[in-house]
Amino acid sequence: MIKVTVWNENLHEKSNPAMKEIYPDGLHNAIARGVANEEFEIRTATLDQPEHGLTEEVLNSTDVLLWWGHMGHDQVSDEIVNRVHSRVLEGMGLIVLHSGHFSKIFKKLMGTTCDLKWREADDKEIIWVVNPAHPIAEGLGEYIEIEKEEMYGEHFDIPAPDELVFVSWFEGGEVFRSGCTYYRGQGKVFYFRPGHETYPTYHNKDVLKVISNGIRWAAAGKGAAPKYGNAQPLQQISKK
C-alpha cells in the first residue's frame, strides 16, 4: 500500500459559497475520493489542525504528500515547512497542485520566486502530453481538455524541470509548463497546474488519473542510500 496524505489549507471552503457548491466536503476530500483505489491508503490534513495535520508521526508514515494551498501560504508554519522539506530529501514524494506553486515548501524546494502570469476569465485549457512515455502520462490520450479554468502563463519562474510531462495552451493564447518533475535528495516532486477552487477540475477523470499516476511515480523506488561525512578509505592508501 502507498500511504498518501492529501493536504489542503481548507480556507476557501469556509468563505466562498461557489466553491462550497462544487466541493461541499472540501478539495482535500474530493481529491481523496477521486484517487481512491486498493493501492492507496489515504488520509487528509488541513491547515487548522494542530501542526497543520503534519505531525512527525504523520509525515514519517507518508509515502506521498499532496499539497493544495492558495490564500493561506503565509499561515503555514516555517517549522512545518522545514519538516516537510526534510522528509522530501529523505525520500517522501511531494505533489504540488495548482496555486501550491506559491507555497513556502515549493519555493524552498525550487529556490526561485515561482511567479507567473494569471487570469480568471473561464479560459478553455488544453493540457498537451509532451512526454507520452512518462509513467505520469500512462493511460491518457494526446491531451486533456478542460472547458473552463484559471489561466497560468509563462514565464513561470521555476528551475528547468528534470522532466517536462505536460504543456498547457489557453484560449487567450498563453502557454504554460503545467506538468513538471524534479528530484530533490532522495525524494521526487511533481507540480501539476490545473485545479482552481471555483472550477470542478478535481471531478475530471483525466486530471484525477494524472494525480493517481503521479502518486505511483513519486512513491516508486528511493534508489541507493547515500552516506555523508568523514569516510574511511575502502582500500589502504600507500604512504609515499
C-alpha atoms as a PDB file:
ATOM      1  CA  MET A   1       0.000   0.000   0.000  1.00  0.00           C
ATOM      2  CA  ILE A   2       1.165   3.508  -0.839  1.00  0.00           C
ATOM      3  CA  LYS A   3       0.450   5.789   2.116  1.00  0.00           C
ATOM      4  CA  VAL A   4      -0.910   9.101   0.846  1.00  0.00           C
ATOM      5  CA  THR A   5      -1.669  12.309   2.762  1.00  0.00           C
ATOM      6  CA  VAL A   6      -3.793  14.934   0.972  1.00  0.00           C
ATOM      7  CA  TRP A   7      -3.135  18.376   2.473  1.00  0.00           C
ATOM      8  CA  ASN A   8      -5.414  21.364   1.845  1.00  0.00           C
ATOM      9  CA  GLU A   9      -5.446  24.694   3.632  1.00  0.00           C
ATOM     10  CA  ASN A  10      -9.287  24.447   3.680  1.00  0.00           C
ATOM     11  CA  LEU A  11      -9.865  28.207   3.813  1.00  0.00           C
ATOM     12  CA  HIS A  12     -11.798  28.975   0.609  1.00  0.00           C
ATOM     13  CA  GLU A  13     -14.321  26.321   1.575  1.00  0.00           C
ATOM     14  CA  LYS A  14     -15.277  28.409   4.624  1.00  0.00           C
ATOM     15  CA  SER A  15     -15.745  31.720   2.794  1.00  0.00           C
ATOM     16  CA  ASN A  16     -16.669  31.015  -0.849  1.00  0.00           C
ATOM     17  CA  PRO A  17     -20.246  29.751  -1.453  1.00  0.00           C
ATOM     18  CA  ALA A  18     -19.470  28.976  -5.113  1.00  0.00           C
ATOM     19  CA  MET A  19     -16.691  26.638  -4.069  1.00  0.00           C
ATOM     20  CA  LYS A  20     -18.908  25.064  -1.435  1.00  0.00           C
ATOM     21  CA  GLU A  21     -21.307  24.004  -4.189  1.00  0.00           C
ATOM     22  CA  ILE A  22     -18.546  22.330  -6.207  1.00  0.00           C
ATOM     23  CA  TYR A  23     -16.629  20.794  -3.297  1.00  0.00           C
ATOM     24  CA  PRO A  24     -19.084  20.565  -0.365  1.00  0.00           C
ATOM     25  CA  ASP A  25     -16.655  18.454   1.695  1.00  0.00           C
ATOM     26  CA  GLY A  26     -13.556  20.417   0.691  1.00  0.00           C
ATOM     27  CA  LEU A  27     -10.950  19.979  -2.013  1.00  0.00           C
ATOM     28  CA  HIS A  28      -8.978  17.522   0.079  1.00  0.00           C
ATOM     29  CA  ASN A  29     -11.878  15.095   0.391  1.00  0.00           C
ATOM     30  CA  ALA A  30     -12.787  15.459  -3.300  1.00  0.00           C
ATOM     31  CA  ILE A  31      -9.228  14.602  -4.325  1.00  0.00           C
ATOM     32  CA  ALA A  32      -9.001  11.771  -1.791  1.00  0.00           C
ATOM     33  CA  ARG A  33     -12.222  10.204  -3.119  1.00  0.00           C
ATOM     34  CA  GLY A  34     -11.222  10.814  -6.723  1.00  0.00           C
ATOM     35  CA  VAL A  35      -7.933   8.918  -6.499  1.00  0.00           C
ATOM     36  CA  ALA A  36      -9.053   6.241  -4.041  1.00  0.00           C
ATOM     37  CA  ASN A  37      -8.216   2.673  -5.031  1.00  0.00           C
ATOM     38  CA  GLU A  38      -6.898  -0.535  -3.498  1.00  0.00           C
ATOM     39  CA  GLU A  39      -3.270   0.613  -3.952  1.00  0.00           C
ATOM     40  CA  PHE A  40      -3.544   3.719  -1.770  1.00  0.00           C
ATOM     41  CA  GLU A  41      -4.088   4.214   1.939  1.00  0.00           C
ATOM     42  CA  ILE A  42      -5.318   7.809   2.068  1.00  0.00           C
ATOM     43  CA  ARG A  43      -5.776  10.340   4.843  1.00  0.00           C
ATOM     44  CA  THR A  44      -6.314  14.095   4.775  1.00  0.00           C
ATOM     45  CA  ALA A  45      -4.835  17.014   6.711  1.00  0.00           C
ATOM     46  CA  THR A  46      -5.693  20.722   6.885  1.00  0.00           C
ATOM     47  CA  LEU A  47      -4.143  23.995   7.980  1.00  0.00           C
ATOM     48  CA  ASP A  48      -6.351  24.449  11.062  1.00  0.00           C
ATOM     49  CA  GLN A  49      -5.342  21.160  12.676  1.00  0.00           C
ATOM     50  CA  PRO A  50      -2.582  21.012  15.310  1.00  0.00           C
ATOM     51  CA  GLU A  51       0.763  21.238  13.477  1.00  0.00           C
ATOM     52  CA  HIS A  52      -1.356  21.675  10.291  1.00  0.00           C
ATOM     53  CA  GLY A  53      -2.106  17.963  10.475  1.00  0.00           C
ATOM     54  CA  LEU A  54       1.503  17.249   9.520  1.00  0.00           C
ATOM     55  CA  THR A  55       2.977  15.906  12.714  1.00  0.00           C
ATOM     56  CA  GLU A  56       6.231  13.980  12.638  1.00  0.00           C
ATOM     57  CA  GLU A  57       4.242  10.774  13.077  1.00  0.00           C
ATOM     58  CA  VAL A  58       2.026  11.589  10.063  1.00  0.00           C
ATOM     59  CA  LEU A  59       4.917  12.596   7.799  1.00  0.00           C
ATOM     60  CA  ASN A  60       7.070   9.640   8.821  1.00  0.00           C
ATOM     61  CA  SER A  61       4.260   7.329   7.721  1.00  0.00           C
ATOM     62  CA  THR A  62       3.541   9.196   4.463  1.00  0.00           C
ATOM     63  CA  ASP A  63       4.944   7.947   1.159  1.00  0.00           C
ATOM     64  CA  VAL A  64       3.450  10.761  -0.923  1.00  0.00           C
ATOM     65  CA  LEU A  65       2.125  14.139   0.231  1.00  0.00           C
ATOM     66  CA  LEU A  66      -0.306  16.121  -1.964  1.00  0.00           C
ATOM     67  CA  TRP A  67      -0.350  19.887  -1.365  1.00  0.00           C
ATOM     68  CA  TRP A  68      -3.067  22.400  -2.281  1.00  0.00           C
ATOM     69  CA  GLY A  69      -2.838  25.960  -0.952  1.00  0.00           C
ATOM     70  CA  HIS A  70      -3.737  29.475  -2.058  1.00  0.00           C
ATOM     71  CA  MET A  71      -4.840  32.197   0.353  1.00  0.00           C
ATOM     72  CA  GLY A  72      -3.082  30.807   3.412  1.00  0.00           C
ATOM     73  CA  HIS A  73       0.518  30.333   2.268  1.00  0.00           C
ATOM     74  CA  ASP A  74       1.786  32.790   4.882  1.00  0.00           C
ATOM     75  CA  GLN A  75      -0.108  30.967   7.638  1.00  0.00           C
ATOM     76  CA  VAL A  76       1.920  27.790   7.205  1.00  0.00           C
ATOM     77  CA  SER A  77       4.489  27.492   9.984  1.00  0.00           C
ATOM     78  CA  ASP A  78       8.146  27.578   8.935  1.00  0.00           C
ATOM     79  CA  GLU A  79       8.742  24.696  11.341  1.00  0.00           C
ATOM     80  CA  ILE A  80       6.271  22.530   9.415  1.00  0.00           C
ATOM     81  CA  VAL A  81       7.746  23.631   6.078  1.00  0.00           C
ATOM     82  CA  ASN A  82      11.194  22.572   7.265  1.00  0.00           C
ATOM     83  CA  ARG A  83       9.772  19.272   8.483  1.00  0.00           C
ATOM     84  CA  VAL A  84       8.183  18.551   5.087  1.00  0.00           C
ATOM     85  CA  HIS A  85      11.356  19.658   3.292  1.00  0.00           C
ATOM     86  CA  SER A  86      13.455  17.219   5.339  1.00  0.00           C
ATOM     87  CA  ARG A  87      11.061  14.366   4.592  1.00  0.00           C
ATOM     88  CA  VAL A  88      11.231  15.079   0.842  1.00  0.00           C
ATOM     89  CA  LEU A  89      15.025  14.962   0.959  1.00  0.00           C
ATOM     90  CA  GLU A  90      14.747  11.666   2.865  1.00  0.00           C
ATOM     91  CA  GLY A  91      12.543  10.154   0.149  1.00  0.00           C
ATOM     92  CA  MET A  92       8.911  11.232   0.620  1.00  0.00           C
ATOM     93  CA  GLY A  93       7.187  12.135  -2.643  1.00  0.00           C
ATOM     94  CA  LEU A  94       5.515  15.554  -2.980  1.00  0.00           C
ATOM     95  CA  ILE A  95       2.792  16.524  -5.461  1.00  0.00           C
ATOM     96  CA  VAL A  96       2.142  20.265  -5.581  1.00  0.00           C
ATOM     97  CA  LEU A  97      -1.196  21.234  -7.117  1.00  0.00           C
ATOM     98  CA  HIS A  98      -2.262  24.451  -8.865  1.00  0.00           C
ATOM     99  CA  SER A  99      -1.729  27.534  -6.653  1.00  0.00           C
ATOM    100  CA  GLY A 100       0.574  25.497  -4.451  1.00  0.00           C
ATOM    101  CA  HIS A 101       3.265  26.901  -6.771  1.00  0.00           C
ATOM    102  CA  PHE A 102       3.442  29.838  -4.327  1.00  0.00           C
ATOM    103  CA  SER A 103       3.593  27.666  -1.213  1.00  0.00           C
ATOM    104  CA  LYS A 104       6.564  28.016   1.102  1.00  0.00           C
ATOM    105  CA  ILE A 105       7.523  24.378   0.582  1.00  0.00           C
ATOM    106  CA  PHE A 106       7.550  24.555  -3.231  1.00  0.00           C
ATOM    107  CA  LYS A 107       9.537  27.799  -3.265  1.00  0.00           C
ATOM    108  CA  LYS A 108      12.008  26.326  -0.774  1.00  0.00           C
ATOM    109  CA  LEU A 109      12.498  23.247  -2.944  1.00  0.00           C
ATOM    110  CA  MET A 110      12.789  25.274  -6.161  1.00  0.00           C
ATOM    111  CA  GLY A 111      14.930  28.154  -4.847  1.00  0.00           C
ATOM    112  CA  THR A 112      13.108  30.682  -7.071  1.00  0.00           C
ATOM    113  CA  THR A 113      10.084  33.003  -6.824  1.00  0.00           C
ATOM    114  CA  CYS A 114       7.815  30.524  -8.669  1.00  0.00           C
ATOM    115  CA  ASP A 115       5.890  33.542 -10.014  1.00  0.00           C
ATOM    116  CA  LEU A 116       3.777  33.508 -13.179  1.00  0.00           C
ATOM    117  CA  LYS A 117       1.007  35.276 -15.130  1.00  0.00           C
ATOM    118  CA  TRP A 118      -2.629  34.507 -14.260  1.00  0.00           C
ATOM    119  CA  ARG A 119      -6.191  35.393 -15.264  1.00  0.00           C
ATOM    120  CA  GLU A 120      -9.657  34.262 -14.202  1.00  0.00           C
ATOM    121  CA  ALA A 121     -11.764  34.507 -17.372  1.00  0.00           C
ATOM    122  CA  ASP A 122     -13.181  30.999 -17.965  1.00  0.00           C
ATOM    123  CA  ASP A 123     -10.420  30.124 -20.451  1.00  0.00           C
ATOM    124  CA  LYS A 124     -10.503  26.754 -22.136  1.00  0.00           C
ATOM    125  CA  GLU A 125      -7.340  24.818 -21.267  1.00  0.00           C
ATOM    126  CA  ILE A 126      -5.787  22.075 -23.355  1.00  0.00           C
ATOM    127  CA  ILE A 127      -3.098  20.162 -21.497  1.00  0.00           C
ATOM    128  CA  TRP A 128      -0.843  18.560 -24.095  1.00  0.00           C
ATOM    129  CA  VAL A 129       1.107  15.399 -23.276  1.00  0.00           C
ATOM    130  CA  VAL A 130       4.656  16.247 -24.383  1.00  0.00           C
ATOM    131  CA  ASN A 131       6.324  13.194 -22.820  1.00  0.00           C
ATOM    132  CA  PRO A 132       3.992  10.275 -23.651  1.00  0.00           C
ATOM    133  CA  ALA A 133       6.499   7.676 -22.402  1.00  0.00           C
ATOM    134  CA  HIS A 134       6.491   9.096 -18.867  1.00  0.00           C
ATOM    135  CA  PRO A 135       4.658   6.997 -16.226  1.00  0.00           C
ATOM    136  CA  ILE A 136       2.620  10.048 -15.148  1.00  0.00           C
ATOM    137  CA  ALA A 137       1.073  10.155 -18.654  1.00  0.00           C
ATOM    138  CA  GLU A 138       0.057   6.484 -18.621  1.00  0.00           C
ATOM    139  CA  GLY A 139      -3.480   5.842 -19.860  1.00  0.00           C
ATOM    140  CA  LEU A 140      -4.010   9.329 -21.298  1.00  0.00           C
ATOM    141  CA  GLY A 141      -4.683  10.394 -24.853  1.00  0.00           C
ATOM    142  CA  GLU A 142      -2.782  13.151 -26.656  1.00  0.00           C
ATOM    143  CA  TYR A 143      -4.266  15.861 -24.454  1.00  0.00           C
ATOM    144  CA  ILE A 144      -6.692  16.707 -21.660  1.00  0.00           C
ATOM    145  CA  GLU A 145      -9.325  19.350 -22.430  1.00  0.00           C
ATOM    146  CA  ILE A 146     -10.774  21.407 -19.585  1.00  0.00           C
ATOM    147  CA  GLU A 147     -13.719  23.568 -20.596  1.00  0.00           C
ATOM    148  CA  LYS A 148     -13.106  26.378 -18.081  1.00  0.00           C
ATOM    149  CA  GLU A 149     -10.085  27.060 -15.882  1.00  0.00           C
ATOM    150  CA  GLU A 150      -7.932  29.837 -14.452  1.00  0.00           C
ATOM    151  CA  MET A 151      -5.126  30.755 -16.835  1.00  0.00           C
ATOM    152  CA  TYR A 152      -1.496  30.452 -15.807  1.00  0.00           C
ATOM    153  CA  GLY A 153       1.006  31.813 -18.329  1.00  0.00           C
ATOM    154  CA  GLU A 154       4.741  31.914 -18.935  1.00  0.00           C
ATOM    155  CA  HIS A 155       7.149  32.965 -17.796  1.00  0.00           C
ATOM    156  CA  PHE A 156       6.911  30.513 -14.895  1.00  0.00           C
ATOM    157  CA  ASP A 157       9.884  31.290 -12.633  1.00  0.00           C
ATOM    158  CA  ILE A 158      10.997  27.771 -11.793  1.00  0.00           C
ATOM    159  CA  PRO A 159      14.210  25.868 -12.473  1.00  0.00           C
ATOM    160  CA  ALA A 160      14.185  23.918 -15.726  1.00  0.00           C
ATOM    161  CA  PRO A 161      12.253  20.728 -14.899  1.00  0.00           C
ATOM    162  CA  ASP A 162      14.147  17.469 -14.737  1.00  0.00           C
ATOM    163  CA  GLU A 163      11.277  16.119 -16.840  1.00  0.00           C
ATOM    164  CA  LEU A 164       8.513  18.074 -18.591  1.00  0.00           C
ATOM    165  CA  VAL A 165       5.388  15.941 -18.963  1.00  0.00           C
ATOM    166  CA  PHE A 166       2.635  18.438 -19.842  1.00  0.00           C
ATOM    167  CA  VAL A 167       2.341  21.846 -21.514  1.00  0.00           C
ATOM    168  CA  SER A 168      -0.908  23.822 -21.391  1.00  0.00           C
ATOM    169  CA  TRP A 169      -2.439  26.082 -24.033  1.00  0.00           C
ATOM    170  CA  PHE A 170      -5.130  28.576 -23.065  1.00  0.00           C
ATOM    171  CA  GLU A 171      -7.897  30.152 -25.103  1.00  0.00           C
ATOM    172  CA  GLY A 172      -6.356  33.594 -24.637  1.00  0.00           C
ATOM    173  CA  GLY A 173      -3.164  32.425 -26.351  1.00  0.00           C
ATOM    174  CA  GLU A 174      -0.847  31.737 -23.407  1.00  0.00           C
ATOM    175  CA  VAL A 175       1.145  28.549 -22.840  1.00  0.00           C
ATOM    176  CA  PHE A 176       2.434  27.108 -19.576  1.00  0.00           C
ATOM    177  CA  ARG A 177       4.663  24.274 -18.345  1.00  0.00           C
ATOM    178  CA  SER A 178       1.907  22.524 -16.458  1.00  0.00           C
ATOM    179  CA  GLY A 179       3.434  19.165 -15.544  1.00  0.00           C
ATOM    180  CA  CYS A 180       6.972  19.325 -14.158  1.00  0.00           C
ATOM    181  CA  THR A 181       9.001  16.761 -12.236  1.00  0.00           C
ATOM    182  CA  TYR A 182      12.053  17.250 -10.040  1.00  0.00           C
ATOM    183  CA  TYR A 183      14.387  15.110  -7.966  1.00  0.00           C
ATOM    184  CA  ARG A 184      15.372  16.574  -4.616  1.00  0.00           C
ATOM    185  CA  GLY A 185      17.635  14.459  -2.430  1.00  0.00           C
ATOM    186  CA  GLN A 186      16.010  11.021  -2.282  1.00  0.00           C
ATOM    187  CA  GLY A 187      12.562  12.440  -2.999  1.00  0.00           C
ATOM    188  CA  LYS A 188      10.522  13.150  -6.119  1.00  0.00           C
ATOM    189  CA  VAL A 189       8.457  16.303  -6.706  1.00  0.00           C
ATOM    190  CA  PHE A 190       5.650  16.691  -9.271  1.00  0.00           C
ATOM    191  CA  TYR A 191       3.980  20.039  -9.972  1.00  0.00           C
ATOM    192  CA  PHE A 192       0.604  19.789 -11.753  1.00  0.00           C
ATOM    193  CA  ARG A 193      -1.115  23.018 -12.772  1.00  0.00           C
ATOM    194  CA  PRO A 194      -4.935  22.646 -13.050  1.00  0.00           C
ATOM    195  CA  GLY A 195      -7.244  22.917 -10.042  1.00  0.00           C
ATOM    196  CA  HIS A 196      -8.604  26.428  -9.367  1.00  0.00           C
ATOM    197  CA  GLU A 197     -11.048  26.303  -6.484  1.00  0.00           C
ATOM    198  CA  THR A 198     -14.120  27.651  -8.321  1.00  0.00           C
ATOM    199  CA  TYR A 199     -13.992  25.125 -11.164  1.00  0.00           C
ATOM    200  CA  PRO A 200     -14.904  21.402 -10.947  1.00  0.00           C
ATOM    201  CA  THR A 201     -11.460  20.366 -12.184  1.00  0.00           C
ATOM    202  CA  TYR A 202     -10.974  17.716  -9.496  1.00  0.00           C
ATOM    203  CA  HIS A 203     -14.051  15.898 -10.806  1.00  0.00           C
ATOM    204  CA  ASN A 204     -12.339  15.453 -14.202  1.00  0.00           C
ATOM    205  CA  LYS A 205     -11.385  11.783 -14.625  1.00  0.00           C
ATOM    206  CA  ASP A 206      -8.219  12.539 -16.620  1.00  0.00           C
ATOM    207  CA  VAL A 207      -6.992  15.074 -14.066  1.00  0.00           C
ATOM    208  CA  LEU A 208      -7.553  12.500 -11.336  1.00  0.00           C
ATOM    209  CA  LYS A 209      -5.742   9.877 -13.432  1.00  0.00           C
ATOM    210  CA  VAL A 210      -2.717  12.177 -13.680  1.00  0.00           C
ATOM    211  CA  ILE A 211      -2.707  12.675  -9.915  1.00  0.00           C
ATOM    212  CA  SER A 212      -3.018   8.916  -9.335  1.00  0.00           C
ATOM    213  CA  ASN A 213      -0.176   8.259 -11.775  1.00  0.00           C
ATOM    214  CA  GLY A 214       1.828  10.973 -10.035  1.00  0.00           C
ATOM    215  CA  ILE A 215       1.361   9.259  -6.684  1.00  0.00           C
ATOM    216  CA  ARG A 216       2.672   5.974  -8.061  1.00  0.00           C
ATOM    217  CA  TRP A 217       5.630   7.721  -9.714  1.00  0.00           C
ATOM    218  CA  ALA A 218       6.531   9.739  -6.619  1.00  0.00           C
ATOM    219  CA  ALA A 219       6.339   6.668  -4.367  1.00  0.00           C
ATOM    220  CA  ALA A 220       8.338   4.335  -6.585  1.00  0.00           C
ATOM    221  CA  GLY A 221      11.869   3.383  -5.530  1.00  0.00           C
ATOM    222  CA  LYS A 222      14.106   5.632  -3.488  1.00  0.00           C
ATOM    223  CA  GLY A 223      17.338   4.476  -5.161  1.00  0.00           C
ATOM    224  CA  ALA A 224      20.669   3.931  -3.435  1.00  0.00           C
ATOM    225  CA  ALA A 225      21.222   5.065   0.160  1.00  0.00           C
ATOM    226  CA  PRO A 226      23.969   7.709   0.168  1.00  0.00           C
ATOM    227  CA  LYS A 227      26.305   8.228   3.111  1.00  0.00           C
ATOM    228  CA  TYR A 228      27.847  11.577   4.004  1.00  0.00           C
ATOM    229  CA  GLY A 229      30.538  12.987   6.246  1.00  0.00           C
ATOM    230  CA  ASN A 230      34.017  11.737   7.068  1.00  0.00           C
ATOM    231  CA  ALA A 231      34.760   8.421   5.373  1.00  0.00           C
ATOM    232  CA  GLN A 232      37.405   5.767   5.866  1.00  0.00           C
ATOM    233  CA  PRO A 233      39.174   4.560   2.694  1.00  0.00           C
ATOM    234  CA  LEU A 234      37.879   1.375   1.098  1.00  0.00           C
ATOM    235  CA  GLN A 235      41.454   0.322   0.320  1.00  0.00           C
ATOM    236  CA  GLN A 236      44.751   1.044   2.045  1.00  0.00           C
ATOM    237  CA  ILE A 237      46.293   4.299   0.921  1.00  0.00           C
ATOM    238  CA  SER A 238      50.017   3.997   0.300  1.00  0.00           C
ATOM    239  CA  LYS A 239      52.252   6.490   2.054  1.00  0.00           C
ATOM    240  CA  LYS A 240      54.961   7.961  -0.174  1.00  0.00           C
END
